[in-house]
N, C-alpha and C. Protein backbone atom coordinates (compact mmCIF):
# COMPACT_ATOMS: atom_id res chain seq x y z
N MET A 1 -66.56 58.39 28.43
CA MET A 1 -65.96 58.82 27.22
C MET A 1 -65.32 60.15 27.45
N THR A 2 -63.98 60.29 26.98
CA THR A 2 -63.19 61.46 27.22
C THR A 2 -63.67 62.63 26.34
N ASN A 3 -63.78 63.75 26.99
CA ASN A 3 -64.21 64.96 26.27
C ASN A 3 -63.16 65.25 25.22
N PRO A 4 -63.58 65.55 23.87
CA PRO A 4 -62.54 65.84 22.84
C PRO A 4 -61.69 67.10 23.17
N ALA A 5 -62.28 68.07 23.87
CA ALA A 5 -61.49 69.27 24.23
C ALA A 5 -60.43 68.94 25.18
N ILE A 6 -60.77 68.10 26.21
CA ILE A 6 -59.71 67.64 27.21
C ILE A 6 -58.69 66.78 26.59
N LEU A 7 -59.02 65.93 25.57
CA LEU A 7 -58.16 65.13 24.89
C LEU A 7 -57.14 65.95 24.10
N PHE A 8 -57.62 67.04 23.40
CA PHE A 8 -56.76 67.86 22.66
C PHE A 8 -55.77 68.54 23.57
N ILE A 9 -56.25 69.03 24.75
CA ILE A 9 -55.32 69.73 25.67
C ILE A 9 -54.26 68.76 26.15
N MET A 10 -54.64 67.48 26.42
CA MET A 10 -53.64 66.47 26.89
C MET A 10 -52.55 66.25 25.79
N VAL A 11 -53.02 66.08 24.54
CA VAL A 11 -52.10 65.80 23.40
C VAL A 11 -51.18 67.05 23.21
N ASP A 12 -51.83 68.23 23.31
CA ASP A 12 -51.00 69.48 23.08
C ASP A 12 -50.03 69.69 24.20
N SER A 13 -50.37 69.32 25.41
CA SER A 13 -49.45 69.44 26.58
C SER A 13 -48.31 68.46 26.41
N ARG A 14 -48.53 67.28 25.91
CA ARG A 14 -47.46 66.30 25.68
C ARG A 14 -46.47 66.86 24.60
N SER A 15 -47.04 67.45 23.57
CA SER A 15 -46.21 68.05 22.51
C SER A 15 -45.32 69.14 23.04
N VAL A 16 -45.91 69.99 23.87
CA VAL A 16 -45.12 71.14 24.47
C VAL A 16 -44.07 70.62 25.36
N ASN A 17 -44.37 69.56 26.20
CA ASN A 17 -43.32 69.01 27.03
C ASN A 17 -42.23 68.38 26.20
N ARG A 18 -42.59 67.68 25.13
CA ARG A 18 -41.57 67.10 24.27
C ARG A 18 -40.62 68.13 23.67
N GLN A 19 -41.24 69.28 23.21
CA GLN A 19 -40.40 70.35 22.61
C GLN A 19 -39.52 70.90 23.70
N ALA A 20 -39.92 70.98 24.95
CA ALA A 20 -39.10 71.60 26.00
C ALA A 20 -37.84 70.72 26.21
N ASP A 21 -37.90 69.43 25.89
CA ASP A 21 -36.79 68.51 26.08
C ASP A 21 -35.83 68.55 24.96
N LEU A 22 -36.15 69.17 23.84
CA LEU A 22 -35.27 69.21 22.65
C LEU A 22 -34.29 70.33 22.69
N SER A 23 -33.11 70.11 22.06
CA SER A 23 -32.12 71.25 21.94
C SER A 23 -32.70 72.19 20.90
N PRO A 24 -32.20 73.43 20.90
CA PRO A 24 -32.69 74.38 19.88
C PRO A 24 -32.54 73.90 18.48
N ASP A 25 -31.45 73.17 18.10
CA ASP A 25 -31.27 72.66 16.71
C ASP A 25 -32.26 71.60 16.43
N ASP A 26 -32.43 70.67 17.43
CA ASP A 26 -33.40 69.59 17.18
C ASP A 26 -34.88 70.17 17.06
N LEU A 27 -35.14 71.15 17.90
CA LEU A 27 -36.50 71.78 17.78
C LEU A 27 -36.66 72.41 16.44
N ASP A 28 -35.59 73.11 15.90
CA ASP A 28 -35.71 73.63 14.52
C ASP A 28 -36.03 72.50 13.50
N ARG A 29 -35.36 71.44 13.63
CA ARG A 29 -35.64 70.28 12.62
C ARG A 29 -37.07 69.82 12.83
N GLU A 30 -37.54 69.67 14.00
CA GLU A 30 -38.89 69.19 14.24
C GLU A 30 -39.91 70.18 13.64
N LEU A 31 -39.68 71.41 13.91
CA LEU A 31 -40.60 72.40 13.39
C LEU A 31 -40.62 72.43 11.89
N CYS A 32 -39.41 72.33 11.28
CA CYS A 32 -39.31 72.28 9.84
C CYS A 32 -40.07 71.11 9.25
N LEU A 33 -39.95 69.96 9.88
CA LEU A 33 -40.65 68.74 9.38
C LEU A 33 -42.13 69.00 9.56
N ARG A 34 -42.62 69.56 10.62
CA ARG A 34 -43.99 69.87 10.77
C ARG A 34 -44.53 70.84 9.75
N ALA A 35 -43.68 71.84 9.47
CA ALA A 35 -44.08 72.86 8.48
C ALA A 35 -44.15 72.24 7.11
N ALA A 36 -43.22 71.32 6.79
CA ALA A 36 -43.24 70.63 5.51
C ALA A 36 -44.51 69.77 5.36
N ARG A 37 -45.08 69.30 6.48
CA ARG A 37 -46.34 68.55 6.44
C ARG A 37 -47.55 69.44 6.40
N GLY A 38 -47.34 70.72 6.37
CA GLY A 38 -48.44 71.70 6.25
C GLY A 38 -48.92 72.28 7.54
N ASP A 39 -48.16 72.22 8.62
CA ASP A 39 -48.55 72.72 9.89
C ASP A 39 -48.28 74.25 9.92
N PRO A 40 -49.25 75.11 9.83
CA PRO A 40 -48.98 76.54 9.80
C PRO A 40 -48.45 77.06 11.16
N GLN A 41 -48.81 76.38 12.21
CA GLN A 41 -48.29 76.86 13.56
C GLN A 41 -46.85 76.69 13.60
N ALA A 42 -46.29 75.63 13.07
CA ALA A 42 -44.81 75.34 13.07
C ALA A 42 -44.12 76.44 12.29
N GLU A 43 -44.69 76.78 11.13
CA GLU A 43 -44.07 77.85 10.30
C GLU A 43 -44.06 79.18 11.03
N THR A 44 -45.18 79.49 11.66
CA THR A 44 -45.30 80.69 12.44
C THR A 44 -44.30 80.79 13.57
N GLU A 45 -44.09 79.62 14.26
CA GLU A 45 -43.11 79.57 15.30
C GLU A 45 -41.68 79.79 14.87
N LEU A 46 -41.31 79.21 13.71
CA LEU A 46 -40.02 79.46 13.13
C LEU A 46 -39.79 80.91 12.71
N VAL A 47 -40.81 81.53 12.19
CA VAL A 47 -40.74 82.96 11.84
C VAL A 47 -40.53 83.74 13.10
N SER A 48 -41.18 83.39 14.13
CA SER A 48 -40.99 84.13 15.46
C SER A 48 -39.63 83.91 16.04
N ARG A 49 -39.14 82.70 15.98
CA ARG A 49 -37.86 82.34 16.44
C ARG A 49 -36.70 83.04 15.73
N TYR A 50 -36.91 83.29 14.42
CA TYR A 50 -35.80 83.80 13.62
C TYR A 50 -36.04 85.22 13.11
N GLY A 51 -37.01 85.92 13.67
CA GLY A 51 -37.25 87.27 13.31
C GLY A 51 -36.03 88.15 13.62
N GLN A 52 -35.41 87.88 14.79
CA GLN A 52 -34.19 88.64 15.16
C GLN A 52 -33.08 88.41 14.22
N LEU A 53 -32.95 87.23 13.70
CA LEU A 53 -31.88 86.92 12.72
C LEU A 53 -32.11 87.80 11.47
N VAL A 54 -33.37 87.78 10.98
CA VAL A 54 -33.69 88.66 9.78
C VAL A 54 -33.25 90.07 10.05
N ARG A 55 -33.57 90.66 11.19
CA ARG A 55 -33.20 92.01 11.52
C ARG A 55 -31.72 92.14 11.57
N ALA A 56 -31.02 91.21 12.17
CA ALA A 56 -29.51 91.27 12.26
C ALA A 56 -28.91 91.25 10.84
N CYS A 57 -29.49 90.50 9.89
CA CYS A 57 -28.99 90.43 8.51
C CYS A 57 -29.28 91.75 7.79
N ALA A 58 -30.46 92.34 8.06
CA ALA A 58 -30.83 93.47 7.26
C ALA A 58 -30.22 94.82 7.78
N ARG A 59 -29.99 94.88 9.03
CA ARG A 59 -29.63 96.22 9.58
C ARG A 59 -28.35 96.79 9.13
N PRO A 60 -27.26 96.03 8.94
CA PRO A 60 -26.09 96.63 8.30
C PRO A 60 -26.37 97.32 6.98
N LEU A 61 -27.29 96.70 6.17
CA LEU A 61 -27.61 97.19 4.95
C LEU A 61 -28.50 98.52 5.08
N PHE A 62 -29.32 98.54 6.14
CA PHE A 62 -30.08 99.80 6.43
C PHE A 62 -29.12 100.92 6.78
N LEU A 63 -28.08 100.59 7.60
CA LEU A 63 -27.20 101.61 8.02
C LEU A 63 -26.44 102.25 6.93
N VAL A 64 -26.17 101.42 5.85
CA VAL A 64 -25.43 102.03 4.71
C VAL A 64 -26.31 102.36 3.54
N GLY A 65 -27.64 102.61 3.82
CA GLY A 65 -28.51 103.22 2.79
C GLY A 65 -29.74 102.54 2.40
N GLY A 66 -30.01 101.35 2.91
CA GLY A 66 -31.19 100.60 2.53
C GLY A 66 -32.46 101.10 3.21
N ASP A 67 -33.62 100.80 2.60
CA ASP A 67 -34.89 101.13 3.16
C ASP A 67 -35.28 99.97 4.17
N SER A 68 -35.48 100.40 5.45
CA SER A 68 -35.64 99.38 6.48
C SER A 68 -36.80 98.45 6.24
N GLU A 69 -38.01 98.96 5.93
CA GLU A 69 -39.14 98.08 5.69
C GLU A 69 -38.96 97.13 4.48
N ASP A 70 -38.43 97.67 3.41
CA ASP A 70 -38.18 96.80 2.20
C ASP A 70 -37.23 95.68 2.57
N LEU A 71 -36.15 96.03 3.32
CA LEU A 71 -35.11 95.04 3.66
C LEU A 71 -35.74 93.96 4.55
N ILE A 72 -36.53 94.37 5.57
CA ILE A 72 -37.10 93.34 6.47
C ILE A 72 -38.03 92.45 5.69
N GLN A 73 -38.85 92.92 4.75
CA GLN A 73 -39.73 92.16 3.98
C GLN A 73 -38.97 91.17 3.14
N GLU A 74 -37.86 91.66 2.51
CA GLU A 74 -37.09 90.75 1.72
C GLU A 74 -36.41 89.64 2.54
N GLY A 75 -35.95 90.02 3.77
CA GLY A 75 -35.34 89.09 4.63
C GLY A 75 -36.34 88.03 5.07
N MET A 76 -37.57 88.46 5.36
CA MET A 76 -38.62 87.55 5.76
C MET A 76 -38.95 86.53 4.59
N LEU A 77 -38.97 87.03 3.40
CA LEU A 77 -39.08 86.08 2.28
C LEU A 77 -38.00 85.06 2.18
N GLY A 78 -36.78 85.52 2.48
CA GLY A 78 -35.63 84.59 2.51
C GLY A 78 -35.82 83.53 3.65
N LEU A 79 -36.30 84.03 4.78
CA LEU A 79 -36.56 83.05 5.90
C LEU A 79 -37.61 82.06 5.46
N LEU A 80 -38.70 82.49 4.80
CA LEU A 80 -39.72 81.53 4.38
C LEU A 80 -39.21 80.49 3.40
N THR A 81 -38.28 81.00 2.50
CA THR A 81 -37.67 80.07 1.52
C THR A 81 -36.86 79.04 2.33
N ALA A 82 -36.21 79.41 3.42
CA ALA A 82 -35.39 78.49 4.20
C ALA A 82 -36.28 77.50 4.89
N ILE A 83 -37.41 77.98 5.47
CA ILE A 83 -38.34 77.05 6.11
C ILE A 83 -38.88 76.01 5.24
N ARG A 84 -39.24 76.43 4.05
CA ARG A 84 -39.90 75.54 3.09
C ARG A 84 -38.89 74.68 2.29
N GLY A 85 -37.62 75.05 2.28
CA GLY A 85 -36.62 74.31 1.54
C GLY A 85 -35.66 73.52 2.38
N PHE A 86 -35.75 73.61 3.71
CA PHE A 86 -34.76 72.96 4.56
C PHE A 86 -35.00 71.41 4.60
N ASP A 87 -33.86 70.74 4.39
CA ASP A 87 -33.89 69.23 4.42
C ASP A 87 -32.98 68.76 5.63
N PRO A 88 -33.68 68.31 6.72
CA PRO A 88 -32.91 67.88 7.82
C PRO A 88 -31.95 66.77 7.56
N GLN A 89 -32.20 65.95 6.57
CA GLN A 89 -31.31 64.87 6.19
C GLN A 89 -30.06 65.36 5.41
N ARG A 90 -30.13 66.59 4.81
CA ARG A 90 -29.08 67.02 3.99
C ARG A 90 -28.36 68.23 4.63
N ASP A 91 -29.11 69.09 5.19
CA ASP A 91 -28.54 70.37 5.78
C ASP A 91 -28.29 70.17 7.24
N ALA A 92 -27.11 70.61 7.71
CA ALA A 92 -26.72 70.37 9.07
C ALA A 92 -27.56 71.14 10.08
N LEU A 93 -27.55 72.43 10.03
CA LEU A 93 -28.29 73.27 10.97
C LEU A 93 -29.19 74.20 10.26
N PHE A 94 -30.43 74.33 10.75
CA PHE A 94 -31.37 75.23 10.14
C PHE A 94 -30.92 76.64 10.23
N ARG A 95 -30.34 77.06 11.31
CA ARG A 95 -29.93 78.47 11.50
C ARG A 95 -28.93 78.88 10.44
N THR A 96 -27.92 78.01 10.13
CA THR A 96 -26.96 78.27 9.09
C THR A 96 -27.61 78.43 7.74
N TYR A 97 -28.49 77.44 7.46
CA TYR A 97 -29.23 77.45 6.14
C TYR A 97 -30.07 78.70 6.05
N ALA A 98 -30.77 79.07 7.13
CA ALA A 98 -31.64 80.19 7.15
C ALA A 98 -30.89 81.50 6.87
N GLU A 99 -29.67 81.64 7.50
CA GLU A 99 -28.89 82.86 7.33
C GLU A 99 -28.43 82.95 5.86
N ILE A 100 -28.06 81.87 5.24
CA ILE A 100 -27.61 81.98 3.86
C ILE A 100 -28.80 82.35 3.00
N CYS A 101 -30.00 81.79 3.21
CA CYS A 101 -31.14 82.17 2.40
C CYS A 101 -31.58 83.64 2.56
N ILE A 102 -31.48 84.11 3.81
CA ILE A 102 -31.92 85.46 4.12
C ILE A 102 -30.94 86.41 3.46
N ARG A 103 -29.59 86.23 3.62
CA ARG A 103 -28.61 87.13 3.05
C ARG A 103 -28.64 87.05 1.54
N SER A 104 -28.83 85.84 0.96
CA SER A 104 -28.87 85.73 -0.43
C SER A 104 -30.06 86.57 -1.03
N ARG A 105 -31.23 86.47 -0.33
CA ARG A 105 -32.37 87.23 -0.76
C ARG A 105 -32.10 88.78 -0.70
N LEU A 106 -31.43 89.23 0.36
CA LEU A 106 -31.18 90.60 0.51
C LEU A 106 -30.19 91.07 -0.51
N TYR A 107 -29.12 90.34 -0.77
CA TYR A 107 -28.10 90.72 -1.68
C TYR A 107 -28.57 90.65 -3.16
N THR A 108 -29.51 89.76 -3.44
CA THR A 108 -30.12 89.74 -4.73
C THR A 108 -30.92 90.92 -4.94
N ALA A 109 -31.67 91.36 -3.96
CA ALA A 109 -32.47 92.59 -4.03
C ALA A 109 -31.55 93.82 -4.27
N ILE A 110 -30.45 93.88 -3.54
CA ILE A 110 -29.52 94.99 -3.77
C ILE A 110 -28.98 95.01 -5.15
N ARG A 111 -28.58 93.87 -5.71
CA ARG A 111 -28.12 93.83 -7.07
C ARG A 111 -29.15 94.37 -8.06
N ALA A 112 -30.42 93.93 -7.79
CA ALA A 112 -31.48 94.40 -8.69
C ALA A 112 -31.63 95.97 -8.59
N ALA A 113 -31.46 96.47 -7.36
CA ALA A 113 -31.56 97.95 -7.20
C ALA A 113 -30.37 98.59 -7.88
N GLN A 114 -29.22 98.04 -7.73
CA GLN A 114 -28.03 98.67 -8.36
C GLN A 114 -28.09 98.58 -9.87
N GLY A 115 -28.79 97.58 -10.40
CA GLY A 115 -28.93 97.46 -11.84
C GLY A 115 -29.94 98.39 -12.48
N GLY A 116 -30.56 99.21 -11.65
CA GLY A 116 -31.49 100.24 -12.14
C GLY A 116 -32.88 99.67 -12.46
N LYS A 117 -33.21 98.49 -11.85
CA LYS A 117 -34.49 97.86 -12.04
C LYS A 117 -35.44 98.50 -11.07
N HIS A 118 -36.54 99.02 -11.56
CA HIS A 118 -37.55 99.63 -10.72
C HIS A 118 -38.72 98.75 -10.65
N ALA A 119 -38.50 97.50 -10.15
CA ALA A 119 -39.56 96.48 -10.02
C ALA A 119 -40.38 96.74 -8.74
N PRO A 120 -41.51 96.18 -8.61
CA PRO A 120 -42.28 96.28 -7.42
C PRO A 120 -41.58 95.82 -6.23
N LEU A 121 -42.06 96.06 -4.99
CA LEU A 121 -41.50 95.54 -3.80
C LEU A 121 -41.44 93.96 -3.85
N ASN A 122 -40.43 93.42 -3.21
CA ASN A 122 -40.09 92.03 -3.22
C ASN A 122 -39.27 91.66 -4.44
N HIS A 123 -38.97 92.60 -5.33
CA HIS A 123 -38.08 92.35 -6.41
C HIS A 123 -36.99 93.46 -6.43
N SER A 124 -37.13 94.48 -5.64
CA SER A 124 -36.17 95.50 -5.57
C SER A 124 -36.23 96.19 -4.25
N VAL A 125 -35.17 96.80 -3.83
CA VAL A 125 -35.12 97.53 -2.55
C VAL A 125 -34.70 98.96 -2.77
N SER A 126 -35.27 99.89 -2.07
CA SER A 126 -34.85 101.31 -2.26
C SER A 126 -33.65 101.55 -1.44
N PHE A 127 -32.67 102.32 -2.06
CA PHE A 127 -31.44 102.62 -1.40
C PHE A 127 -31.12 104.15 -1.65
N GLU A 128 -30.27 104.67 -0.72
CA GLU A 128 -29.83 106.02 -0.77
C GLU A 128 -28.30 105.97 -0.99
N PRO A 129 -27.72 107.06 -1.58
CA PRO A 129 -26.21 107.15 -1.68
C PRO A 129 -25.64 107.12 -0.27
N PRO A 130 -24.32 106.86 -0.10
CA PRO A 130 -23.41 106.68 -1.15
C PRO A 130 -23.12 105.28 -1.50
N LEU A 131 -23.43 104.33 -0.61
CA LEU A 131 -22.97 102.93 -0.88
C LEU A 131 -23.67 102.35 -2.13
N PHE A 132 -24.89 102.78 -2.44
CA PHE A 132 -25.62 102.16 -3.47
C PHE A 132 -25.66 102.98 -4.79
N ASP A 133 -24.58 103.81 -5.04
CA ASP A 133 -24.54 104.58 -6.17
C ASP A 133 -23.74 103.83 -7.30
N GLY A 134 -23.33 102.61 -7.04
CA GLY A 134 -22.61 101.82 -8.04
C GLY A 134 -21.14 101.69 -7.74
N SER A 135 -20.58 102.60 -6.96
CA SER A 135 -19.19 102.63 -6.67
C SER A 135 -18.75 101.49 -5.78
N ASN A 136 -19.68 100.91 -5.05
CA ASN A 136 -19.33 99.79 -4.14
C ASN A 136 -20.08 98.53 -4.51
N ALA A 137 -20.37 98.41 -5.75
CA ALA A 137 -21.19 97.23 -6.19
C ALA A 137 -20.45 95.92 -5.98
N HIS A 138 -19.09 95.96 -5.83
CA HIS A 138 -18.40 94.71 -5.61
C HIS A 138 -18.74 94.04 -4.32
N LEU A 139 -19.25 94.80 -3.36
CA LEU A 139 -19.62 94.21 -2.08
C LEU A 139 -20.81 93.22 -2.20
N PHE A 140 -21.64 93.45 -3.23
CA PHE A 140 -22.80 92.61 -3.44
C PHE A 140 -22.91 92.04 -4.87
N SER A 141 -21.71 91.74 -5.42
CA SER A 141 -21.70 91.38 -6.84
C SER A 141 -22.07 89.93 -7.08
N SER A 142 -21.98 89.11 -6.06
CA SER A 142 -22.24 87.68 -6.25
C SER A 142 -22.83 87.07 -5.09
N VAL A 143 -23.82 86.20 -5.22
CA VAL A 143 -24.47 85.47 -4.11
C VAL A 143 -24.69 84.04 -4.52
N GLU A 144 -23.81 83.47 -5.37
CA GLU A 144 -24.13 82.16 -5.84
C GLU A 144 -23.73 81.03 -4.85
N SER A 145 -22.96 81.35 -3.83
CA SER A 145 -22.57 80.31 -2.90
C SER A 145 -22.61 80.85 -1.45
N PRO A 146 -22.55 80.01 -0.43
CA PRO A 146 -22.47 80.47 0.92
C PRO A 146 -21.24 81.29 1.13
N GLU A 147 -20.14 80.89 0.50
CA GLU A 147 -18.88 81.65 0.70
C GLU A 147 -19.04 83.10 0.23
N ASP A 148 -19.77 83.26 -0.84
CA ASP A 148 -19.98 84.69 -1.35
C ASP A 148 -20.73 85.53 -0.34
N VAL A 149 -21.75 84.87 0.27
CA VAL A 149 -22.54 85.62 1.24
C VAL A 149 -21.73 85.97 2.47
N ILE A 150 -20.93 85.01 2.88
CA ILE A 150 -20.03 85.23 4.11
C ILE A 150 -19.05 86.37 3.79
N ILE A 151 -18.45 86.37 2.63
CA ILE A 151 -17.41 87.35 2.30
C ILE A 151 -18.10 88.75 2.25
N GLY A 152 -19.32 88.84 1.69
CA GLY A 152 -20.05 90.13 1.70
C GLY A 152 -20.33 90.59 3.10
N ARG A 153 -20.66 89.67 4.01
CA ARG A 153 -21.00 90.03 5.37
C ARG A 153 -19.71 90.52 6.03
N GLU A 154 -18.56 89.86 5.81
CA GLU A 154 -17.31 90.23 6.49
C GLU A 154 -16.88 91.59 5.98
N GLU A 155 -17.02 91.92 4.75
CA GLU A 155 -16.63 93.22 4.24
C GLU A 155 -17.40 94.31 4.86
N LEU A 156 -18.72 94.09 4.99
CA LEU A 156 -19.62 95.09 5.67
C LEU A 156 -19.19 95.21 7.08
N LYS A 157 -18.89 94.16 7.77
CA LYS A 157 -18.50 94.20 9.21
C LYS A 157 -17.23 95.04 9.35
N GLU A 158 -16.25 94.85 8.44
CA GLU A 158 -15.01 95.58 8.53
C GLU A 158 -15.25 97.10 8.39
N ARG A 159 -16.16 97.46 7.50
CA ARG A 159 -16.46 98.86 7.22
C ARG A 159 -17.16 99.46 8.43
N LEU A 160 -18.08 98.72 9.08
CA LEU A 160 -18.75 99.20 10.26
C LEU A 160 -17.83 99.26 11.44
N ASP A 161 -16.89 98.30 11.53
CA ASP A 161 -15.93 98.33 12.63
C ASP A 161 -15.04 99.64 12.56
N ALA A 162 -14.75 100.02 11.39
CA ALA A 162 -13.90 101.26 11.16
C ALA A 162 -14.63 102.48 11.61
N LEU A 163 -15.89 102.42 11.80
CA LEU A 163 -16.70 103.54 12.16
C LEU A 163 -16.65 103.78 13.69
N LYS A 164 -16.28 102.79 14.42
CA LYS A 164 -16.46 102.91 15.92
C LYS A 164 -15.79 104.09 16.56
N GLY A 165 -14.64 104.53 16.02
CA GLY A 165 -13.90 105.68 16.59
C GLY A 165 -14.68 106.99 16.39
N GLN A 166 -15.65 106.97 15.55
CA GLN A 166 -16.41 108.25 15.29
C GLN A 166 -17.73 108.28 16.09
N LEU A 167 -17.98 107.32 16.92
CA LEU A 167 -19.27 107.23 17.62
C LEU A 167 -19.11 107.73 19.03
N SER A 168 -20.21 108.33 19.54
CA SER A 168 -20.27 108.72 20.93
C SER A 168 -20.36 107.47 21.78
N GLU A 169 -20.29 107.59 23.12
CA GLU A 169 -20.36 106.43 23.99
C GLU A 169 -21.66 105.75 23.81
N LEU A 170 -22.83 106.59 23.79
CA LEU A 170 -24.12 106.00 23.62
C LEU A 170 -24.26 105.27 22.30
N GLU A 171 -23.81 105.94 21.28
CA GLU A 171 -23.90 105.32 19.90
C GLU A 171 -23.07 104.02 19.85
N GLY A 172 -21.94 104.05 20.50
CA GLY A 172 -21.07 102.88 20.53
C GLY A 172 -21.71 101.71 21.31
N ASN A 173 -22.50 102.07 22.31
CA ASN A 173 -23.21 100.98 23.09
C ASN A 173 -24.38 100.46 22.27
N ILE A 174 -25.06 101.34 21.54
CA ILE A 174 -26.21 100.94 20.81
C ILE A 174 -25.92 100.18 19.55
N LEU A 175 -24.83 100.46 18.79
CA LEU A 175 -24.60 99.82 17.55
C LEU A 175 -24.53 98.28 17.55
N PRO A 176 -23.78 97.68 18.52
CA PRO A 176 -23.73 96.19 18.47
C PRO A 176 -25.10 95.56 18.82
N LEU A 177 -25.84 96.17 19.75
CA LEU A 177 -27.21 95.67 20.06
C LEU A 177 -28.09 95.81 18.80
N TYR A 178 -28.03 96.95 18.08
CA TYR A 178 -28.86 97.09 16.93
C TYR A 178 -28.45 96.07 15.83
N LEU A 179 -27.20 95.90 15.67
CA LEU A 179 -26.74 94.90 14.59
C LEU A 179 -27.05 93.47 15.00
N ASN A 180 -27.27 93.23 16.30
CA ASN A 180 -27.66 91.89 16.70
C ASN A 180 -29.14 91.66 16.59
N GLY A 181 -29.89 92.70 16.12
CA GLY A 181 -31.30 92.46 15.77
C GLY A 181 -32.30 92.74 16.91
N LEU A 182 -31.81 93.35 17.97
CA LEU A 182 -32.71 93.73 19.10
C LEU A 182 -33.63 94.80 18.63
N SER A 183 -34.88 94.79 19.17
CA SER A 183 -35.84 95.84 18.85
C SER A 183 -35.44 97.13 19.57
N CYS A 184 -36.04 98.22 19.20
CA CYS A 184 -35.74 99.55 19.76
C CYS A 184 -36.02 99.55 21.27
N GLY A 185 -37.12 98.95 21.62
CA GLY A 185 -37.52 98.79 23.02
C GLY A 185 -36.50 97.99 23.83
N GLU A 186 -36.05 96.85 23.26
CA GLU A 186 -35.07 96.06 23.94
C GLU A 186 -33.75 96.81 24.13
N ILE A 187 -33.35 97.52 23.11
CA ILE A 187 -32.12 98.33 23.22
C ILE A 187 -32.26 99.41 24.31
N ALA A 188 -33.39 100.05 24.25
CA ALA A 188 -33.66 101.16 25.24
C ALA A 188 -33.54 100.58 26.69
N ARG A 189 -34.07 99.39 26.91
CA ARG A 189 -33.98 98.87 28.31
C ARG A 189 -32.55 98.51 28.61
N GLN A 190 -31.77 98.01 27.67
CA GLN A 190 -30.44 97.62 28.00
C GLN A 190 -29.51 98.85 28.27
N VAL A 191 -29.74 99.91 27.45
CA VAL A 191 -28.86 101.13 27.68
C VAL A 191 -29.44 102.08 28.66
N GLY A 192 -30.64 101.86 29.13
CA GLY A 192 -31.29 102.77 30.09
C GLY A 192 -31.65 104.12 29.54
N ARG A 193 -32.07 104.10 28.28
CA ARG A 193 -32.54 105.42 27.70
C ARG A 193 -33.86 105.22 27.06
N PRO A 194 -34.62 106.33 26.80
CA PRO A 194 -35.92 106.20 26.15
C PRO A 194 -35.77 105.70 24.75
N PRO A 195 -36.80 105.00 24.19
CA PRO A 195 -36.77 104.55 22.80
C PRO A 195 -36.51 105.67 21.80
N LYS A 196 -37.05 106.86 22.06
CA LYS A 196 -36.76 107.99 21.08
C LYS A 196 -35.30 108.29 21.09
N SER A 197 -34.68 108.28 22.22
CA SER A 197 -33.23 108.59 22.19
C SER A 197 -32.41 107.51 21.45
N VAL A 198 -32.87 106.31 21.53
CA VAL A 198 -32.30 105.14 20.86
C VAL A 198 -32.48 105.39 19.32
N ASP A 199 -33.66 105.67 18.93
CA ASP A 199 -33.95 105.93 17.46
C ASP A 199 -33.08 107.13 16.93
N ASN A 200 -33.00 108.15 17.70
CA ASN A 200 -32.18 109.34 17.26
C ASN A 200 -30.72 108.93 17.12
N ALA A 201 -30.23 108.17 18.03
CA ALA A 201 -28.86 107.69 17.99
C ALA A 201 -28.63 106.85 16.72
N ILE A 202 -29.53 105.95 16.41
CA ILE A 202 -29.44 105.13 15.20
C ILE A 202 -29.39 106.04 13.93
N GLN A 203 -30.19 107.05 13.92
CA GLN A 203 -30.17 107.91 12.75
C GLN A 203 -28.83 108.66 12.69
N ARG A 204 -28.25 109.00 13.80
CA ARG A 204 -26.92 109.67 13.79
C ARG A 204 -25.85 108.71 13.28
N ILE A 205 -25.96 107.49 13.73
CA ILE A 205 -25.04 106.45 13.28
C ILE A 205 -25.13 106.31 11.74
N ARG A 206 -26.38 106.33 11.22
CA ARG A 206 -26.53 106.13 9.82
C ARG A 206 -25.93 107.27 9.03
N ARG A 207 -26.05 108.50 9.57
CA ARG A 207 -25.46 109.67 8.88
C ARG A 207 -23.91 109.50 8.87
N LYS A 208 -23.37 109.06 9.97
CA LYS A 208 -21.89 108.90 10.08
C LYS A 208 -21.43 107.83 9.17
N VAL A 209 -22.22 106.70 9.01
CA VAL A 209 -21.85 105.69 8.00
C VAL A 209 -21.82 106.30 6.64
N ALA A 210 -22.82 107.07 6.30
CA ALA A 210 -22.89 107.73 4.90
C ALA A 210 -21.61 108.62 4.72
N GLN A 211 -21.28 109.34 5.76
CA GLN A 211 -20.02 110.23 5.64
C GLN A 211 -18.82 109.42 5.48
N GLN A 212 -18.69 108.28 6.20
CA GLN A 212 -17.55 107.39 6.17
C GLN A 212 -17.40 106.86 4.69
N PHE A 213 -18.52 106.37 4.19
CA PHE A 213 -18.51 105.75 2.84
C PHE A 213 -18.15 106.83 1.76
N SER A 214 -18.74 108.02 1.98
CA SER A 214 -18.43 109.09 1.02
C SER A 214 -16.91 109.44 1.03
N SER A 215 -16.33 109.54 2.22
CA SER A 215 -14.97 109.90 2.28
C SER A 215 -14.09 108.75 1.74
N GLY A 216 -14.49 107.47 1.94
CA GLY A 216 -13.82 106.35 1.44
C GLY A 216 -13.79 106.32 -0.06
N VAL A 217 -14.93 106.61 -0.67
CA VAL A 217 -15.02 106.67 -2.14
C VAL A 217 -14.13 107.77 -2.71
N SER A 218 -14.11 108.93 -2.04
CA SER A 218 -13.33 110.10 -2.51
C SER A 218 -11.81 109.76 -2.41
N SER A 219 -11.37 109.08 -1.35
CA SER A 219 -9.97 108.76 -1.16
C SER A 219 -9.49 107.73 -2.22
N GLU A 220 -10.44 106.89 -2.60
CA GLU A 220 -10.09 105.86 -3.59
C GLU A 220 -10.05 106.32 -5.01
N SER A 221 -10.71 107.42 -5.31
CA SER A 221 -10.80 107.93 -6.70
C SER A 221 -9.61 108.82 -7.05
């Protein structure tokens, strides 16, 4: 009689080998189907796979005044919504669906904060001036469709692109890596600098973003 522990290892090994043969998109679909059947390991794996996407969605908003921890938590809630609501028969790619859910959750939180609602965490996000003083509310005024989310993303990208001429060489190297969702340690290894230097550079970038938005609001008024 086969030992149950050995049988489990054999079955688990076959599952791992099968996953290795799947494309990333097909693996996402399989994991979502397993998560829908109540498999917590599948949900955990999807959260791990898409943590960088959450950071990439949240970080432009942090640079322009958002609270980092609040934004990441809101983004993770958007990711969980995507995992639990994804329909492989209806939705083409999980990554696209997840990005829409994450950004929608973030922008909804921003609108709540701009509306002066002081709700507990997960219903509001803390922000600093100047972007979130109401003068730029049009950037996040609507999230009813994927198109609205994409437009909001593109407007933020344009504003951050305009910042590049004000950055030092180190800051210019760090910014795209940071916006792609890499961790501070990963960025440090890529640019060959200590994590503390990377963190200091990110804070300088954030101050320059605030100055750019302040000057932009002044020139428009």
